[in-house]
Amino acid sequence: MHCLVGVFIQELAREGEDPDTETRNMWPIKIIIPPCKSRMIYFKTVQQQREWYLELKGRALTSNVNEHYTFAEILGQGQFGEVRRGVHFRSGTSVAIKTISK
């Protein structure tokens, strides 16, 4: 869901400046917008990138099912995967979780 890689970007020099003085390392965050779009946001420091990453991740409301449920016994199996009983960590509520083989 995210791509955090240090990249090299050459900014355009202002009139009368040496182009090499405008070369900097920038730090991106890639935002993927399903089904097939993405946007890159670039930051001048790693600290800014990290702060924005944590904020965006928190607001995107995406998470891994393993962060909220434990998997118990198999309730059923089909051609594409299986259904297991899941137990929510906080509330203890039982749910059915379908897993599909990619």
N, C-alpha and C. Protein backbone atom coordinates (compact mmCIF):
# COMPACT_ATOMS: atom_id res chain seq x y z
N MET A 1 0.80 -1.19 0.00
CA MET A 1 0.00 0.00 0.00
C MET A 1 0.85 1.25 0.00
N HIS A 2 2.07 1.16 0.39
CA HIS A 2 2.91 2.34 0.41
C HIS A 2 4.32 2.02 -0.08
N CYS A 3 5.00 3.06 -0.55
CA CYS A 3 6.36 2.91 -1.06
C CYS A 3 7.19 4.03 -0.46
N LEU A 4 8.11 3.71 0.41
CA LEU A 4 8.94 4.72 1.06
C LEU A 4 10.38 4.50 0.63
N VAL A 5 10.81 5.26 -0.35
CA VAL A 5 12.14 5.08 -0.91
C VAL A 5 12.78 6.44 -1.09
N GLY A 6 14.05 6.60 -0.72
CA GLY A 6 14.75 7.84 -0.97
C GLY A 6 15.05 7.95 -2.45
N VAL A 7 14.71 9.07 -3.07
CA VAL A 7 14.96 9.26 -4.49
C VAL A 7 15.74 10.53 -4.72
N PHE A 8 16.27 10.65 -5.90
CA PHE A 8 17.07 11.80 -6.29
C PHE A 8 16.27 12.62 -7.29
N ILE A 9 16.12 13.92 -7.02
CA ILE A 9 15.38 14.81 -7.91
C ILE A 9 16.24 16.03 -8.18
N GLN A 10 16.30 16.44 -9.42
CA GLN A 10 17.03 17.65 -9.75
C GLN A 10 16.01 18.75 -10.02
N GLU A 11 16.03 19.77 -9.17
CA GLU A 11 15.13 20.89 -9.34
C GLU A 11 15.72 21.84 -10.37
N LEU A 12 14.88 22.63 -10.97
CA LEU A 12 15.36 23.61 -11.93
C LEU A 12 16.04 24.76 -11.20
N ALA A 13 17.16 25.22 -11.73
CA ALA A 13 17.87 26.35 -11.13
C ALA A 13 17.15 27.65 -11.45
N ARG A 14 17.23 28.59 -10.50
CA ARG A 14 16.69 29.91 -10.76
C ARG A 14 17.63 30.67 -11.67
N GLU A 15 17.12 31.69 -12.28
CA GLU A 15 17.93 32.47 -13.22
C GLU A 15 19.21 32.97 -12.54
N GLY A 16 20.34 32.70 -13.17
CA GLY A 16 21.63 33.16 -12.67
C GLY A 16 22.29 32.23 -11.67
N GLU A 17 21.65 31.12 -11.29
CA GLU A 17 22.23 30.19 -10.33
C GLU A 17 22.81 28.98 -11.05
N ASP A 18 23.81 28.38 -10.42
CA ASP A 18 24.40 27.15 -10.93
C ASP A 18 23.40 26.01 -10.72
N PRO A 19 23.06 25.22 -11.74
CA PRO A 19 22.09 24.13 -11.57
C PRO A 19 22.46 23.13 -10.48
N ASP A 20 23.76 22.92 -10.25
CA ASP A 20 24.18 21.95 -9.24
C ASP A 20 23.81 22.39 -7.83
N THR A 21 23.63 23.68 -7.58
CA THR A 21 23.26 24.13 -6.24
C THR A 21 21.82 23.80 -5.90
N GLU A 22 21.02 23.45 -6.90
CA GLU A 22 19.61 23.15 -6.69
C GLU A 22 19.34 21.65 -6.61
N THR A 23 20.38 20.81 -6.64
CA THR A 23 20.19 19.37 -6.60
C THR A 23 20.09 18.92 -5.14
N ARG A 24 19.00 18.19 -4.82
CA ARG A 24 18.77 17.77 -3.45
C ARG A 24 18.21 16.35 -3.42
N ASN A 25 18.32 15.71 -2.26
CA ASN A 25 17.62 14.44 -2.04
C ASN A 25 16.24 14.76 -1.52
N MET A 26 15.24 14.10 -2.07
CA MET A 26 13.87 14.27 -1.63
C MET A 26 13.36 12.90 -1.19
N TRP A 27 12.36 12.89 -0.32
CA TRP A 27 11.85 11.65 0.26
C TRP A 27 10.36 11.54 -0.05
N PRO A 28 9.95 10.50 -0.80
CA PRO A 28 8.55 10.40 -1.23
C PRO A 28 7.68 9.48 -0.38
N ILE A 29 6.39 9.67 -0.53
CA ILE A 29 5.38 8.73 -0.07
C ILE A 29 4.49 8.47 -1.29
N LYS A 30 4.25 7.21 -1.59
CA LYS A 30 3.39 6.87 -2.71
C LYS A 30 2.01 6.53 -2.16
N ILE A 31 0.99 7.20 -2.67
CA ILE A 31 -0.38 6.94 -2.27
C ILE A 31 -1.05 6.20 -3.41
N ILE A 32 -1.53 5.01 -3.15
CA ILE A 32 -2.18 4.19 -4.18
C ILE A 32 -3.69 4.34 -4.03
N ILE A 33 -4.33 4.73 -5.12
CA ILE A 33 -5.77 4.94 -5.14
C ILE A 33 -6.38 3.87 -6.03
N PRO A 34 -7.03 2.87 -5.44
CA PRO A 34 -7.59 1.79 -6.24
C PRO A 34 -8.60 2.30 -7.25
N PRO A 35 -8.73 1.69 -8.42
CA PRO A 35 -8.09 0.44 -8.79
C PRO A 35 -6.71 0.61 -9.40
N CYS A 36 -6.39 1.75 -10.03
CA CYS A 36 -5.11 1.79 -10.74
C CYS A 36 -4.48 3.19 -10.80
N LYS A 37 -4.67 4.01 -9.80
CA LYS A 37 -4.05 5.34 -9.78
C LYS A 37 -3.13 5.45 -8.59
N SER A 38 -2.15 6.31 -8.71
CA SER A 38 -1.27 6.58 -7.57
C SER A 38 -0.76 8.01 -7.66
N ARG A 39 -0.34 8.53 -6.54
CA ARG A 39 0.22 9.87 -6.45
C ARG A 39 1.47 9.80 -5.57
N MET A 40 2.47 10.61 -5.92
CA MET A 40 3.69 10.70 -5.13
C MET A 40 3.72 12.07 -4.46
N ILE A 41 4.05 12.09 -3.18
CA ILE A 41 4.25 13.34 -2.44
C ILE A 41 5.70 13.32 -1.97
N TYR A 42 6.42 14.42 -2.20
CA TYR A 42 7.84 14.48 -1.87
C TYR A 42 8.10 15.43 -0.71
N PHE A 43 9.05 15.05 0.15
CA PHE A 43 9.40 15.84 1.32
C PHE A 43 10.89 16.13 1.33
N LYS A 44 11.26 17.24 1.94
CA LYS A 44 12.66 17.65 1.96
C LYS A 44 13.47 16.95 3.04
N THR A 45 12.80 16.42 4.07
CA THR A 45 13.53 15.72 5.13
C THR A 45 12.86 14.38 5.41
N VAL A 46 13.64 13.45 5.93
CA VAL A 46 13.11 12.15 6.31
C VAL A 46 12.10 12.31 7.45
N GLN A 47 12.36 13.26 8.35
CA GLN A 47 11.45 13.49 9.48
C GLN A 47 10.07 13.94 8.99
N GLN A 48 10.02 14.85 8.03
CA GLN A 48 8.73 15.28 7.47
C GLN A 48 8.01 14.10 6.81
N GLN A 49 8.78 13.31 6.07
CA GLN A 49 8.19 12.16 5.39
C GLN A 49 7.58 11.20 6.41
N ARG A 50 8.29 10.91 7.47
CA ARG A 50 7.82 9.96 8.49
C ARG A 50 6.56 10.49 9.18
N GLU A 51 6.55 11.79 9.52
CA GLU A 51 5.39 12.38 10.18
C GLU A 51 4.14 12.29 9.28
N TRP A 52 4.31 12.63 8.01
CA TRP A 52 3.19 12.57 7.07
C TRP A 52 2.74 11.13 6.85
N TYR A 53 3.70 10.20 6.74
CA TYR A 53 3.37 8.79 6.55
C TYR A 53 2.49 8.28 7.68
N LEU A 54 2.89 8.55 8.92
CA LEU A 54 2.12 8.09 10.07
C LEU A 54 0.74 8.73 10.10
N GLU A 55 0.65 10.01 9.78
CA GLU A 55 -0.64 10.70 9.76
C GLU A 55 -1.55 10.14 8.67
N LEU A 56 -1.00 9.99 7.46
CA LEU A 56 -1.80 9.45 6.36
C LEU A 56 -2.25 8.02 6.62
N LYS A 57 -1.36 7.22 7.17
CA LYS A 57 -1.70 5.83 7.47
C LYS A 57 -2.83 5.76 8.48
N GLY A 58 -2.78 6.62 9.49
CA GLY A 58 -3.83 6.64 10.50
C GLY A 58 -5.17 7.09 9.94
N ARG A 59 -5.16 8.01 9.00
CA ARG A 59 -6.40 8.53 8.43
C ARG A 59 -6.95 7.68 7.30
N ALA A 60 -6.13 6.84 6.70
CA ALA A 60 -6.57 6.01 5.58
C ALA A 60 -7.49 4.88 6.04
N LEU A 61 -7.49 4.60 7.33
CA LEU A 61 -8.33 3.56 7.91
C LEU A 61 -8.08 2.20 7.27
N THR A 62 -6.84 1.92 6.94
CA THR A 62 -6.49 0.60 6.44
C THR A 62 -5.69 -0.12 7.51
N SER A 63 -5.88 -1.39 7.59
CA SER A 63 -5.14 -2.17 8.57
C SER A 63 -5.14 -3.63 8.13
N ASN A 64 -4.36 -4.40 8.82
CA ASN A 64 -4.25 -5.81 8.56
C ASN A 64 -5.22 -6.55 9.48
N VAL A 65 -5.91 -7.55 8.98
CA VAL A 65 -6.88 -8.30 9.78
C VAL A 65 -6.21 -8.93 10.99
N ASN A 66 -4.92 -9.27 10.89
CA ASN A 66 -4.20 -9.88 12.01
C ASN A 66 -3.98 -8.90 13.16
N GLU A 67 -4.15 -7.62 12.91
CA GLU A 67 -4.01 -6.63 13.97
C GLU A 67 -5.25 -6.58 14.87
N HIS A 68 -6.37 -7.19 14.42
CA HIS A 68 -7.63 -7.08 15.16
C HIS A 68 -8.23 -8.42 15.57
N TYR A 69 -7.86 -9.49 14.87
CA TYR A 69 -8.50 -10.79 15.11
C TYR A 69 -7.46 -11.89 15.25
N THR A 70 -7.82 -12.90 16.07
CA THR A 70 -7.06 -14.14 16.08
C THR A 70 -7.86 -15.15 15.27
N PHE A 71 -7.18 -16.03 14.59
CA PHE A 71 -7.84 -17.04 13.77
C PHE A 71 -7.97 -18.33 14.57
N ALA A 72 -9.16 -18.90 14.55
CA ALA A 72 -9.42 -20.16 15.25
C ALA A 72 -9.68 -21.25 14.22
N GLU A 73 -10.57 -22.20 14.56
CA GLU A 73 -10.78 -23.38 13.72
C GLU A 73 -11.38 -23.04 12.36
N ILE A 74 -11.20 -23.97 11.43
CA ILE A 74 -11.76 -23.85 10.09
C ILE A 74 -13.23 -24.22 10.15
N LEU A 75 -14.09 -23.33 9.62
CA LEU A 75 -15.53 -23.60 9.59
C LEU A 75 -15.96 -24.24 8.28
N GLY A 76 -15.22 -23.99 7.23
CA GLY A 76 -15.57 -24.56 5.94
C GLY A 76 -14.48 -24.31 4.91
N GLN A 77 -14.49 -25.09 3.84
CA GLN A 77 -13.51 -24.93 2.77
C GLN A 77 -14.23 -24.95 1.44
N GLY A 78 -13.67 -24.21 0.48
CA GLY A 78 -14.23 -24.18 -0.85
C GLY A 78 -13.13 -24.23 -1.90
N GLN A 79 -13.51 -23.97 -3.12
CA GLN A 79 -12.55 -24.05 -4.22
C GLN A 79 -11.46 -22.98 -4.13
N PHE A 80 -11.80 -21.80 -3.61
CA PHE A 80 -10.85 -20.69 -3.62
C PHE A 80 -10.22 -20.38 -2.27
N GLY A 81 -10.69 -20.98 -1.20
CA GLY A 81 -10.12 -20.67 0.10
C GLY A 81 -10.89 -21.36 1.21
N GLU A 82 -10.79 -20.76 2.41
CA GLU A 82 -11.46 -21.36 3.56
C GLU A 82 -12.08 -20.27 4.43
N VAL A 83 -13.01 -20.68 5.27
CA VAL A 83 -13.64 -19.79 6.23
C VAL A 83 -13.23 -20.25 7.62
N ARG A 84 -12.71 -19.29 8.40
CA ARG A 84 -12.28 -19.60 9.77
C ARG A 84 -13.06 -18.75 10.75
N ARG A 85 -13.13 -19.24 11.97
CA ARG A 85 -13.71 -18.43 13.04
C ARG A 85 -12.63 -17.47 13.50
N GLY A 86 -13.01 -16.19 13.60
CA GLY A 86 -12.09 -15.18 14.10
C GLY A 86 -12.62 -14.60 15.39
N VAL A 87 -11.72 -14.24 16.29
CA VAL A 87 -12.12 -13.64 17.57
C VAL A 87 -11.47 -12.27 17.66
N HIS A 88 -12.31 -11.25 17.86
CA HIS A 88 -11.82 -9.88 17.97
C HIS A 88 -11.05 -9.73 19.28
N PHE A 89 -9.85 -9.11 19.21
CA PHE A 89 -8.99 -8.99 20.39
C PHE A 89 -9.68 -8.25 21.54
N ARG A 90 -10.26 -7.10 21.26
CA ARG A 90 -10.81 -6.26 22.33
C ARG A 90 -12.16 -6.74 22.85
N SER A 91 -13.09 -7.01 21.95
CA SER A 91 -14.46 -7.32 22.38
C SER A 91 -14.71 -8.81 22.61
N GLY A 92 -13.88 -9.68 22.02
CA GLY A 92 -14.10 -11.11 22.15
C GLY A 92 -15.20 -11.64 21.24
N THR A 93 -15.72 -10.80 20.36
CA THR A 93 -16.78 -11.19 19.44
C THR A 93 -16.25 -12.18 18.41
N SER A 94 -17.06 -13.22 18.14
CA SER A 94 -16.70 -14.20 17.10
C SER A 94 -17.27 -13.77 15.76
N VAL A 95 -16.46 -13.91 14.72
CA VAL A 95 -16.89 -13.58 13.36
C VAL A 95 -16.38 -14.67 12.43
N ALA A 96 -16.93 -14.72 11.23
CA ALA A 96 -16.45 -15.64 10.20
C ALA A 96 -15.53 -14.82 9.28
N ILE A 97 -14.32 -15.32 9.03
CA ILE A 97 -13.36 -14.65 8.17
C ILE A 97 -13.03 -15.56 7.01
N LYS A 98 -13.29 -15.08 5.81
CA LYS A 98 -12.99 -15.86 4.61
C LYS A 98 -11.61 -15.49 4.10
N THR A 99 -10.77 -16.48 3.87
CA THR A 99 -9.45 -16.26 3.28
C THR A 99 -9.45 -16.85 1.89
N ILE A 100 -8.88 -16.10 0.97
CA ILE A 100 -8.86 -16.52 -0.44
C ILE A 100 -7.41 -16.65 -0.89
N SER A 101 -7.09 -17.76 -1.51
CA SER A 101 -5.75 -17.98 -2.05
C SER A 101 -5.55 -17.09 -3.27
N LYS A 102 -4.42 -16.43 -3.33
CA LYS A 102 -4.14 -15.59 -4.50
C LYS A 102 -3.59 -16.47 -5.56
